[in-house]
Protein backbone atom coordinates (compact mmCIF):
# COMPACT_ATOMS: atom_id res chain seq x y z
CA MET A 1 123.13 74.17 -62.36
CA THR A 2 120.94 73.43 -65.59
CA GLU A 3 117.23 71.90 -64.41
CA SER A 4 117.19 68.23 -65.60
CA PRO A 5 114.45 67.68 -68.50
CA ILE A 6 113.67 64.68 -66.79
CA VAL A 7 110.24 65.09 -65.17
CA SER A 8 109.68 61.14 -64.08
CA SER A 9 111.13 57.93 -65.03
CA CYS A 10 110.60 54.05 -63.74
CA ILE A 11 110.46 50.59 -65.11
CA LEU A 12 107.17 48.57 -65.44
CA ASN A 13 107.72 45.55 -63.06
CA GLY A 14 104.90 44.02 -65.32
CA ASP A 15 102.28 43.12 -62.14
CA GLY A 16 100.93 46.92 -62.17
CA THR A 17 103.56 48.26 -60.13
CA SER A 18 106.76 50.05 -61.20
CA GLU A 19 109.93 50.90 -59.78
CA ASN A 20 111.58 54.31 -60.16
CA VAL A 21 114.80 54.75 -61.59
CA ASP A 22 117.06 57.81 -60.84
CA GLU A 23 118.79 59.67 -63.80
CA ASN A 24 122.02 57.84 -63.67
CA HIS A 25 120.75 54.54 -64.24
CA LEU A 26 117.59 55.97 -66.57
CA VAL A 27 119.92 54.80 -69.78
CA GLU A 28 121.05 51.34 -68.70
CA ALA A 29 117.52 51.08 -68.29
CA LEU A 30 116.11 52.15 -71.10
CA LYS A 31 118.40 49.59 -72.83
CA ASP A 32 116.99 47.24 -70.86
CA ASP A 33 114.38 44.05 -71.92
CA ARG A 34 112.07 45.29 -69.10
CA PRO A 35 109.85 48.38 -70.31
CA ALA A 36 110.77 51.64 -68.85
CA TRP A 37 109.36 55.00 -69.07
CA VAL A 38 110.56 58.33 -69.22
CA HIS A 39 108.55 61.46 -68.54
CA LEU A 40 110.45 64.50 -70.18
CA ASP A 41 109.73 68.51 -70.07
CA GLY A 42 109.28 69.77 -73.63
CA ASN A 43 110.06 73.24 -72.30
CA ASN A 44 113.16 72.24 -70.71
CA SER A 45 116.35 73.52 -73.29
CA GLU A 46 117.94 70.10 -72.40
CA THR A 47 115.51 67.94 -73.76
CA ARG A 48 116.72 67.82 -77.26
CA ALA A 49 120.55 66.98 -75.97
CA TRP A 50 119.28 64.64 -73.58
CA LEU A 51 117.26 62.59 -76.26
CA ASN A 52 120.38 62.90 -78.83
CA ASN A 53 122.64 61.61 -76.69
CA ASN A 54 120.71 59.02 -74.63
CA VAL A 55 118.25 57.44 -77.51
CA SER A 56 120.63 58.35 -80.68
CA TYR A 57 118.60 56.12 -82.19
CA LEU A 58 115.12 57.94 -82.75
CA ASP A 59 114.69 59.26 -86.17
CA PRO A 60 115.16 62.73 -86.75
CA LEU A 61 111.71 62.94 -88.14
CA ILE A 62 110.42 61.34 -85.04
CA LEU A 63 112.54 63.67 -82.79
CA ASN A 64 111.23 66.30 -84.22
CA GLY A 65 107.44 65.00 -83.74
CA LEU A 66 107.83 65.13 -80.09
CA LEU A 67 109.75 68.36 -79.34
CA ALA A 68 107.12 70.19 -81.96
CA GLN A 69 105.88 73.20 -80.63
CA GLU A 70 102.31 72.92 -82.50
CA THR A 71 100.85 69.28 -82.93
CA ARG A 72 97.89 67.88 -84.04
CA PRO A 73 96.87 64.44 -83.18
CA ARG A 74 98.19 61.59 -85.53
CA LEU A 75 99.90 58.39 -85.14
CA SER A 76 103.67 57.42 -87.50
CA GLU A 77 104.82 53.90 -87.69
CA THR A 78 108.44 52.77 -88.25
CA ASN A 79 110.04 49.51 -87.94
CA GLU A 80 110.86 50.01 -84.34
CA GLY A 81 108.14 51.61 -83.03
CA SER A 82 105.38 54.50 -83.20
CA LEU A 83 105.01 57.90 -82.53
CA ILE A 84 101.73 59.41 -80.88
CA ILE A 85 100.34 62.70 -80.33
CA LEU A 86 97.04 62.54 -78.48
CA ARG A 87 95.30 65.37 -76.84
CA GLY A 88 93.27 65.71 -73.51
CA VAL A 89 91.04 68.60 -72.04
CA ASN A 90 93.44 71.34 -69.89
CA LEU A 91 91.67 70.72 -66.51
CA ASN A 92 94.17 72.60 -64.80
CA GLU A 93 93.42 75.39 -62.47
CA GLY A 94 91.85 78.55 -63.63
CA ALA A 95 92.87 76.96 -67.35
CA ASP A 96 90.27 76.86 -70.39
CA PRO A 97 89.23 73.44 -71.06
CA THR A 98 89.07 74.23 -74.85
CA ASP A 99 92.98 74.69 -74.62
CA MET A 100 93.37 71.29 -75.10
CA ILE A 101 96.87 70.14 -74.28
CA ALA A 102 99.26 67.37 -76.26
CA VAL A 103 100.90 64.60 -75.24
CA ARG A 104 103.97 62.98 -77.17
CA LEU A 105 104.74 59.54 -77.07
CA TRP A 106 107.66 57.28 -78.58
CA VAL A 107 106.76 53.63 -77.78
CA ASP A 108 108.13 50.09 -78.75
CA LYS A 109 108.25 46.71 -77.44
CA HIS A 110 110.67 48.39 -74.24
CA ARG A 111 110.84 52.08 -74.45
CA ILE A 112 107.84 54.55 -73.34
CA ILE A 113 109.02 58.26 -73.99
CA THR A 114 106.60 60.99 -72.98
CA ILE A 115 107.17 64.25 -73.58
CA ARG A 116 104.95 67.17 -71.94
CA ARG A 117 104.97 70.79 -72.40
CA ARG A 118 102.13 71.29 -69.63
CA PRO A 119 100.84 69.36 -67.15
CA LEU A 120 98.16 66.97 -67.93
CA LYS A 121 95.83 64.95 -65.15
CA ALA A 122 96.02 61.79 -67.33
CA ILE A 123 99.81 61.16 -67.02
CA THR A 124 99.10 61.87 -62.95
CA ASP A 125 96.22 59.07 -63.19
CA ILE A 126 98.86 56.47 -64.84
CA ARG A 127 101.36 57.42 -61.98
CA GLU A 128 98.74 56.92 -59.66
CA ARG A 129 97.88 53.89 -60.96
CA PHE A 130 101.27 52.43 -60.68
CA GLU A 131 101.15 53.07 -56.74
CA THR A 132 97.95 51.13 -56.18
CA GLY A 133 99.21 48.21 -58.41
CA GLU A 134 96.28 49.08 -61.03
CA GLY A 135 99.13 50.79 -63.55
CA PRO A 136 99.98 49.26 -67.34
CA LYS A 137 101.95 45.91 -67.39
CA THR A 138 103.38 46.52 -71.15
CA THR A 139 103.74 49.36 -72.75
CA GLY A 140 101.35 48.68 -75.13
CA GLU A 141 98.97 48.57 -72.21
CA PHE A 142 100.35 51.94 -71.12
CA VAL A 143 99.09 53.62 -74.41
CA VAL A 144 95.99 51.75 -73.93
CA GLN A 145 95.21 53.01 -70.30
CA LEU A 146 96.61 56.80 -70.88
CA SER A 147 94.19 57.00 -74.23
CA GLN A 148 91.41 55.85 -71.94
CA ARG A 149 92.20 58.58 -69.16
CA LEU A 150 92.27 60.91 -71.99
CA PHE A 151 88.76 60.33 -73.08
CA GLU A 152 87.27 59.59 -70.27
CA ARG A 153 88.30 62.77 -68.37
CA MET A 154 86.62 64.42 -71.72
CA GLU A 155 83.45 63.22 -71.17
CA PRO A 156 82.66 65.56 -67.87
CA ILE A 157 83.64 68.33 -70.29
CA LEU A 158 81.31 67.69 -73.08
CA LEU A 159 78.12 66.80 -70.83
CA GLU A 160 78.34 69.97 -69.09
CA LEU A 161 78.73 71.48 -72.71
CA ASP A 162 75.31 69.60 -73.57
CA ASP A 163 73.79 70.39 -70.48
CA LYS A 164 74.64 74.30 -71.30
CA ILE A 165 72.85 73.96 -74.27
CA ASP A 166 69.66 72.42 -72.77
CA MET A 167 69.81 75.47 -70.38
CA ILE A 168 69.96 78.16 -73.80
CA GLU A 169 66.98 76.33 -75.17
CA GLN A 170 65.09 76.21 -72.07
CA LYS A 171 65.87 79.75 -71.63
CA ILE A 172 64.68 80.72 -75.27
CA LEU A 173 61.69 78.91 -75.19
CA ASP A 174 60.56 80.33 -72.07
CA ASN A 175 61.64 83.96 -72.59
CA PRO A 176 63.73 84.64 -75.79
CA ASP A 177 66.17 87.47 -75.36
CA PRO A 178 68.81 89.12 -77.70
CA SER A 179 71.64 88.96 -75.43
CA GLU A 180 71.31 85.37 -75.43
CA ARG A 181 72.60 84.84 -78.87
CA GLN A 182 76.43 85.70 -77.18
CA GLU A 183 76.00 82.69 -75.33
CA ILE A 184 74.90 80.30 -78.24
CA VAL A 185 78.05 81.70 -80.39
CA GLU A 186 79.87 80.62 -77.13
CA VAL A 187 78.62 77.08 -76.74
CA ARG A 188 79.08 76.64 -80.45
CA LYS A 189 82.50 77.97 -80.46
CA ASP A 190 83.07 75.85 -77.66
CA ALA A 191 81.81 72.76 -79.77
CA ILE A 192 84.33 73.42 -82.83
CA LEU A 193 87.30 74.00 -80.91
CA TYR A 194 87.03 70.51 -79.24
CA ARG A 195 86.31 68.79 -82.47
CA ARG A 196 89.25 70.27 -84.10
CA TYR A 197 91.30 68.11 -81.67
CA ILE A 198 89.00 65.45 -80.84
CA ALA A 199 88.08 64.18 -84.40
CA PRO A 200 91.50 63.75 -85.74
CA GLN A 201 92.08 61.30 -82.47
CA LYS A 202 89.68 58.94 -84.25
CA GLU A 203 91.98 58.27 -86.92
CA VAL A 204 94.92 57.97 -84.62
CA MET A 205 92.76 54.93 -82.74
CA ASN A 206 91.68 53.24 -85.87
CA ALA A 207 94.94 53.30 -87.11
CA LEU A 208 96.25 51.96 -83.93
CA ARG A 209 93.55 49.20 -84.07
CA LEU A 210 94.89 48.11 -87.33
CA SER A 211 98.68 48.66 -86.48
CA GLU A 212 100.69 45.27 -87.19
CA GLN A 213 103.22 46.83 -84.18
CA LYS A 214 104.65 43.76 -82.24
CA TRP A 215 104.13 46.10 -78.94
CA ILE A 216 100.51 46.17 -78.97
CA ASP A 217 98.62 42.49 -78.69
CA PRO A 218 95.03 41.63 -80.26
CA ASN A 219 93.80 42.31 -76.40
CA GLN A 220 94.81 45.42 -75.99
CA LYS A 221 93.39 45.95 -79.69
CA ARG A 222 89.92 45.49 -77.98
CA HIS A 223 90.60 47.95 -75.31
CA VAL A 224 91.44 50.20 -78.65
CA GLN A 225 88.39 49.85 -80.22
CA GLU A 226 86.43 50.81 -77.11
CA ALA A 227 88.40 54.09 -76.76
CA LEU A 228 87.47 54.48 -80.93
CA ASP A 229 83.85 53.79 -80.19
CA ARG A 230 83.99 56.21 -76.86
CA ILE A 231 85.89 59.17 -79.21
CA THR A 232 83.73 58.40 -82.10
CA ARG A 233 80.67 58.94 -79.98
CA TYR A 234 82.14 62.42 -79.24
CA VAL A 235 82.82 63.26 -82.47
CA GLU A 236 79.34 62.52 -83.36
CA ASP A 237 77.57 64.73 -79.75
CA LEU A 238 79.81 67.79 -80.94
CA ASP A 239 78.74 67.90 -84.31
CA ALA A 240 75.16 67.51 -82.97
CA MET A 241 75.87 69.96 -80.54
CA ARG A 242 76.91 72.18 -83.39
CA GLU A 243 73.92 71.85 -85.41
CA ARG A 244 71.63 72.20 -82.33
CA ALA A 245 73.58 75.56 -81.47
CA GLN A 246 72.61 77.10 -84.99
CA VAL A 247 69.05 75.54 -84.64
CA ILE A 248 68.96 77.40 -81.36
CA LYS A 249 70.52 80.38 -82.86
CA ASP A 250 67.81 80.37 -85.77
CA GLU A 251 64.98 79.56 -83.70
CA LEU A 252 65.98 82.85 -81.76
CA ALA A 253 65.95 84.95 -84.50
CA ASN A 254 62.62 83.75 -85.77
CA MET A 255 61.21 84.34 -82.55
CA LEU A 256 62.77 88.18 -81.74
CA SER A 257 61.24 88.76 -85.74
CA ASP A 258 57.91 87.34 -85.15
CA ARG A 259 57.91 89.28 -81.76
CA LEU A 260 58.61 92.42 -83.56
CA ASN A 261 56.60 91.93 -86.33
CA LYS A 262 53.47 91.58 -83.63
CA ASN A 263 54.54 94.72 -82.29
CA LEU A 264 54.60 96.37 -85.75
CA TYR A 265 51.33 94.77 -86.57
CA ILE A 266 49.37 95.99 -83.81
CA LEU A 267 50.80 99.70 -84.57
CA SER A 268 49.79 99.11 -87.78
CA VAL A 269 46.14 98.21 -86.52
CA ILE A 270 46.01 101.26 -84.00
CA SER A 271 47.39 103.84 -86.83
CA ALA A 272 44.62 101.98 -89.30
CA ILE A 273 42.12 102.77 -86.35
CA PHE A 274 42.80 106.39 -85.91
CA LEU A 275 43.77 107.38 -89.17
CA PRO A 276 39.69 108.37 -90.29
CA LEU A 277 39.63 109.90 -86.39
CA GLY A 278 42.48 112.04 -87.04
CA PHE A 279 40.71 113.08 -90.40
CA PHE A 280 37.42 114.24 -89.31
CA THR A 281 38.77 115.67 -85.93
CA GLY A 282 41.53 117.85 -87.89
CA LEU A 283 38.66 118.56 -91.19
CA MET A 284 36.13 119.53 -87.64
CA GLY A 285 38.95 122.06 -86.09
CA ILE A 286 39.24 124.26 -89.13
CA ASN A 287 38.82 127.81 -88.10
CA ILE A 288 36.91 129.10 -91.01
CA GLY A 289 32.87 129.90 -90.85
CA GLY A 290 30.49 127.87 -91.71
CA MET A 291 31.49 124.94 -89.63
CA PRO A 292 28.54 122.67 -88.38
CA GLY A 293 27.44 122.75 -84.94
CA VAL A 294 29.50 125.91 -83.58
CA GLU A 295 26.41 127.55 -82.23
CA ASN A 296 24.68 124.02 -80.85
CA ASP A 297 25.82 123.35 -77.24
CA ASN A 298 25.53 119.68 -78.06
CA ALA A 299 28.06 119.39 -80.63
CA PHE A 300 30.71 117.84 -79.30
CA TRP A 301 28.94 115.03 -77.85
CA ILE A 302 27.14 114.37 -80.94
CA PHE A 303 30.54 114.40 -82.87
CA SER A 304 32.16 111.98 -80.37
CA GLY A 305 29.37 109.70 -80.84
CA ILE A 306 29.90 109.60 -84.56
CA LEU A 307 33.58 109.09 -83.99
CA ILE A 308 32.81 105.71 -81.58
CA VAL A 309 30.13 104.83 -84.22
CA ILE A 310 33.27 105.22 -86.77
CA VAL A 311 35.59 103.55 -84.51
CA ALA A 312 33.02 100.34 -84.04
CA CYS A 313 32.36 100.24 -87.57
CA GLN A 314 36.24 99.56 -88.07
CA MET A 315 36.27 97.30 -85.60
CA ILE A 316 33.67 94.81 -87.29
CA ILE A 317 35.50 95.30 -90.87
CA PHE A 318 38.56 94.52 -89.66
CA LYS A 319 37.09 91.34 -87.81
CA LYS A 320 35.47 90.19 -90.91
CA LEU A 321 38.93 90.76 -92.85
CA LYS A 322 40.82 88.85 -90.05
CA TRP A 323 43.05 91.80 -89.30
CA PHE A 324 42.99 90.79 -85.52
């Protein structure tokens, strides 16, 4: 027996609650004046056939957008309704949050069709709100609440990324280490991945705010404006994180370069000090006749004293030249 493509379905009662609808009565519910919501599994091979059979009024381009494997956040409007594609952070167990999950919606005045390929926490939040009587009352309010939950769940992840940059910066200031370059690269990579899908949602919210669709009213547009402000702040924060990561990386490179230069400088000074000493000891160490002090028992100590005087003179000269 083929598994049903329907994950869940309900009718919005208009008071923040919902009434579950079984598959046999769902088609009639979608044709009713009361708002109805059906959530479908995009991985199910029967999903396209179900849509073709039961919501045949959908434009083929809209249908393809709902079932596309790879999607980018966008808003496409028709006379009847809107196709909305949004992304949320992947909070499933063991998943990478940067692997953001797409939710695809068809919304008009009386119908909401959502399609998922992976579970999304924001959808679960909507179901829980219905149980407590705080769910959406209209299709427009459904989109508002869904976008709010998507964006609210992003904030802790982005704050964690920002804290990670702070920790790396503090570690570099305390004790710069070449191994921290990889951490900086990972943070910058995460910021780029998040921005790739979060930035287009700014355009979606702005288009929704200016939309003339009948299913969204002025009050709901004010909530959309709040969501737009929030997502704009996220994009700005991600831009700042990328720039900070690059600045930290440059600072680490400079600090490591300074450390290397300092070590090389010390070695150069030591070499300069011992260069004349090496010359004199090499000169006095040749095994040929006529070397002074060969017959003098105190010659070694006299020569050592001369070398000490030479080192002292070098130190005075280097100090005046400000070599150290």
